[in-house]
Amino acid sequence: MEISKLEKEMENNLSALGNLVFMQYKGEEGLEDEVDRLLQSTRELETEMAELHEQIARLNPKPPTCPSCQTQLPYVAKFCYICGTKIVDDNPAG
């Protein structure tokens, strides 16, 4: 839910930025500070969203994939059931 909230805020920022750029195009002046504020805010939102995506990835690791045939394997696999390649555990427990 947090990511959805941040995405909506980013959408609002980008819309506001578009409006400000159009206003500048039409000749309005003195909008640079607001454009800079929105750009900085949008960059911070991107960073927050990336951090949340990383947290999700750590909590929901992808199942192992065979390095030879790219078959997705069960988490407990020691060997690929398609080609027989030994599966190396990148994150050994303990």
C-alpha atoms as a PDB file:
ATOM      1  CA  MET A   1       0.000   0.000   0.000  1.00  0.00           C
ATOM      2  CA  GLU A   2       2.867   2.325   0.761  1.00  0.00           C
ATOM      3  CA  ILE A   3       4.217   1.930  -2.764  1.00  0.00           C
ATOM      4  CA  SER A   4       0.788   2.784  -4.223  1.00  0.00           C
ATOM      5  CA  LYS A   5       0.666   5.919  -2.096  1.00  0.00           C
ATOM      6  CA  LEU A   6       4.131   6.964  -3.278  1.00  0.00           C
ATOM      7  CA  GLU A   7       3.234   6.213  -6.917  1.00  0.00           C
ATOM      8  CA  LYS A   8       0.154   8.441  -6.646  1.00  0.00           C
ATOM      9  CA  GLU A   9       2.225  11.234  -5.100  1.00  0.00           C
ATOM     10  CA  MET A  10       4.775  10.869  -7.908  1.00  0.00           C
ATOM     11  CA  GLU A  11       1.988  11.001 -10.481  1.00  0.00           C
ATOM     12  CA  ASN A  12       0.750  14.244  -8.906  1.00  0.00           C
ATOM     13  CA  ASN A  13       4.286  15.698  -8.928  1.00  0.00           C
ATOM     14  CA  LEU A  14       4.787  14.849 -12.593  1.00  0.00           C
ATOM     15  CA  SER A  15       1.439  16.357 -13.513  1.00  0.00           C
ATOM     16  CA  ALA A  16       2.272  19.533 -11.601  1.00  0.00           C
ATOM     17  CA  LEU A  17       5.689  19.659 -13.282  1.00  0.00           C
ATOM     18  CA  GLY A  18       4.033  19.376 -16.687  1.00  0.00           C
ATOM     19  CA  ASN A  19       1.721  22.251 -15.841  1.00  0.00           C
ATOM     20  CA  LEU A  20       4.609  24.398 -14.625  1.00  0.00           C
ATOM     21  CA  VAL A  21       6.650  23.720 -17.762  1.00  0.00           C
ATOM     22  CA  PHE A  22       3.672  24.650 -19.906  1.00  0.00           C
ATOM     23  CA  MET A  23       3.183  27.846 -17.879  1.00  0.00           C
ATOM     24  CA  GLN A  24       6.868  28.678 -18.432  1.00  0.00           C
ATOM     25  CA  TYR A  25       6.431  27.999 -22.141  1.00  0.00           C
ATOM     26  CA  LYS A  26       3.559  30.487 -22.184  1.00  0.00           C
ATOM     27  CA  GLY A  27       5.866  33.113 -20.682  1.00  0.00           C
ATOM     28  CA  GLU A  28       5.230  33.005 -16.948  1.00  0.00           C
ATOM     29  CA  GLU A  29       8.296  33.683 -14.882  1.00  0.00           C
ATOM     30  CA  GLY A  30       9.403  32.923 -11.346  1.00  0.00           C
ATOM     31  CA  LEU A  31       8.422  29.253 -11.404  1.00  0.00           C
ATOM     32  CA  GLU A  32      11.939  27.847 -11.161  1.00  0.00           C
ATOM     33  CA  ASP A  33      11.870  27.341  -7.390  1.00  0.00           C
ATOM     34  CA  GLU A  34       8.634  25.359  -7.564  1.00  0.00           C
ATOM     35  CA  VAL A  35       9.979  23.255 -10.453  1.00  0.00           C
ATOM     36  CA  ASP A  36      13.144  22.526  -8.451  1.00  0.00           C
ATOM     37  CA  ARG A  37      11.098  21.607  -5.362  1.00  0.00           C
ATOM     38  CA  LEU A  38       8.939  19.192  -7.351  1.00  0.00           C
ATOM     39  CA  LEU A  39      11.967  17.651  -9.069  1.00  0.00           C
ATOM     40  CA  GLN A  40      13.677  17.066  -5.704  1.00  0.00           C
ATOM     41  CA  SER A  41      10.496  15.635  -4.207  1.00  0.00           C
ATOM     42  CA  THR A  42      10.072  13.286  -7.166  1.00  0.00           C
ATOM     43  CA  ARG A  43      13.668  12.071  -6.861  1.00  0.00           C
ATOM     44  CA  GLU A  44      13.116  11.363  -3.154  1.00  0.00           C
ATOM     45  CA  LEU A  45       9.931   9.436  -3.978  1.00  0.00           C
ATOM     46  CA  GLU A  46      11.861   7.327  -6.507  1.00  0.00           C
ATOM     47  CA  THR A  47      14.455   6.525  -3.855  1.00  0.00           C
ATOM     48  CA  GLU A  48      11.789   5.583  -1.298  1.00  0.00           C
ATOM     49  CA  MET A  49      10.018   3.363  -3.816  1.00  0.00           C
ATOM     50  CA  ALA A  50      13.274   1.618  -4.772  1.00  0.00           C
ATOM     51  CA  GLU A  51      13.999   0.931  -1.093  1.00  0.00           C
ATOM     52  CA  LEU A  52      10.512  -0.533  -0.602  1.00  0.00           C
ATOM     53  CA  HIS A  53      10.917  -2.731  -3.690  1.00  0.00           C
ATOM     54  CA  GLU A  54      14.253  -3.980  -2.301  1.00  0.00           C
ATOM     55  CA  GLN A  55      12.616  -4.788   1.044  1.00  0.00           C
ATOM     56  CA  ILE A  56       9.880  -6.735  -0.734  1.00  0.00           C
ATOM     57  CA  ALA A  57      12.454  -8.643  -2.773  1.00  0.00           C
ATOM     58  CA  ARG A  58      14.330  -9.602   0.407  1.00  0.00           C
ATOM     59  CA  LEU A  59      11.112 -10.793   2.054  1.00  0.00           C
ATOM     60  CA  ASN A  60       9.991 -12.727  -1.040  1.00  0.00           C
ATOM     61  CA  PRO A  61      13.112 -14.237  -2.576  1.00  0.00           C
ATOM     62  CA  LYS A  62      12.841 -15.682  -6.057  1.00  0.00           C
ATOM     63  CA  PRO A  63      13.038 -19.441  -6.370  1.00  0.00           C
ATOM     64  CA  PRO A  64      16.342 -20.840  -7.625  1.00  0.00           C
ATOM     65  CA  THR A  65      16.918 -21.152 -11.357  1.00  0.00           C
ATOM     66  CA  CYS A  66      19.111 -23.770 -12.982  1.00  0.00           C
ATOM     67  CA  PRO A  67      22.283 -22.076 -14.267  1.00  0.00           C
ATOM     68  CA  SER A  68      22.392 -24.439 -17.260  1.00  0.00           C
ATOM     69  CA  CYS A  69      18.824 -24.645 -18.587  1.00  0.00           C
ATOM     70  CA  GLN A  70      17.183 -21.727 -16.737  1.00  0.00           C
ATOM     71  CA  THR A  71      14.404 -23.934 -15.319  1.00  0.00           C
ATOM     72  CA  GLN A  72      12.758 -22.469 -12.233  1.00  0.00           C
ATOM     73  CA  LEU A  73      13.220 -24.940  -9.386  1.00  0.00           C
ATOM     74  CA  PRO A  74      11.716 -25.624  -5.959  1.00  0.00           C
ATOM     75  CA  TYR A  75      13.450 -23.818  -3.076  1.00  0.00           C
ATOM     76  CA  VAL A  76      14.805 -27.110  -1.689  1.00  0.00           C
ATOM     77  CA  ALA A  77      16.295 -28.328  -4.992  1.00  0.00           C
ATOM     78  CA  LYS A  78      19.848 -29.618  -4.879  1.00  0.00           C
ATOM     79  CA  PHE A  79      19.891 -30.648  -8.548  1.00  0.00           C
ATOM     80  CA  CYS A  80      17.913 -29.538 -11.605  1.00  0.00           C
ATOM     81  CA  TYR A  81      15.167 -32.053 -12.348  1.00  0.00           C
ATOM     82  CA  ILE A  82      15.451 -31.287 -16.091  1.00  0.00           C
ATOM     83  CA  CYS A  83      19.175 -31.430 -16.836  1.00  0.00           C
ATOM     84  CA  GLY A  84      20.719 -32.709 -13.582  1.00  0.00           C
ATOM     85  CA  THR A  85      22.981 -29.697 -12.919  1.00  0.00           C
ATOM     86  CA  LYS A  86      23.949 -29.287  -9.267  1.00  0.00           C
ATOM     87  CA  ILE A  87      22.380 -26.168  -7.752  1.00  0.00           C
ATOM     88  CA  VAL A  88      24.753 -23.953  -5.757  1.00  0.00           C
ATOM     89  CA  ASP A  89      23.120 -22.268  -2.777  1.00  0.00           C
ATOM     90  CA  ASP A  90      24.054 -18.560  -2.906  1.00  0.00           C
ATOM     91  CA  ASN A  91      22.551 -17.883   0.529  1.00  0.00           C
ATOM     92  CA  PRO A  92      23.411 -20.830   2.776  1.00  0.00           C
ATOM     93  CA  ALA A  93      21.494 -20.848   6.056  1.00  0.00           C
ATOM     94  CA  GLY A  94      23.612 -20.506   9.152  1.00  0.00           C
END
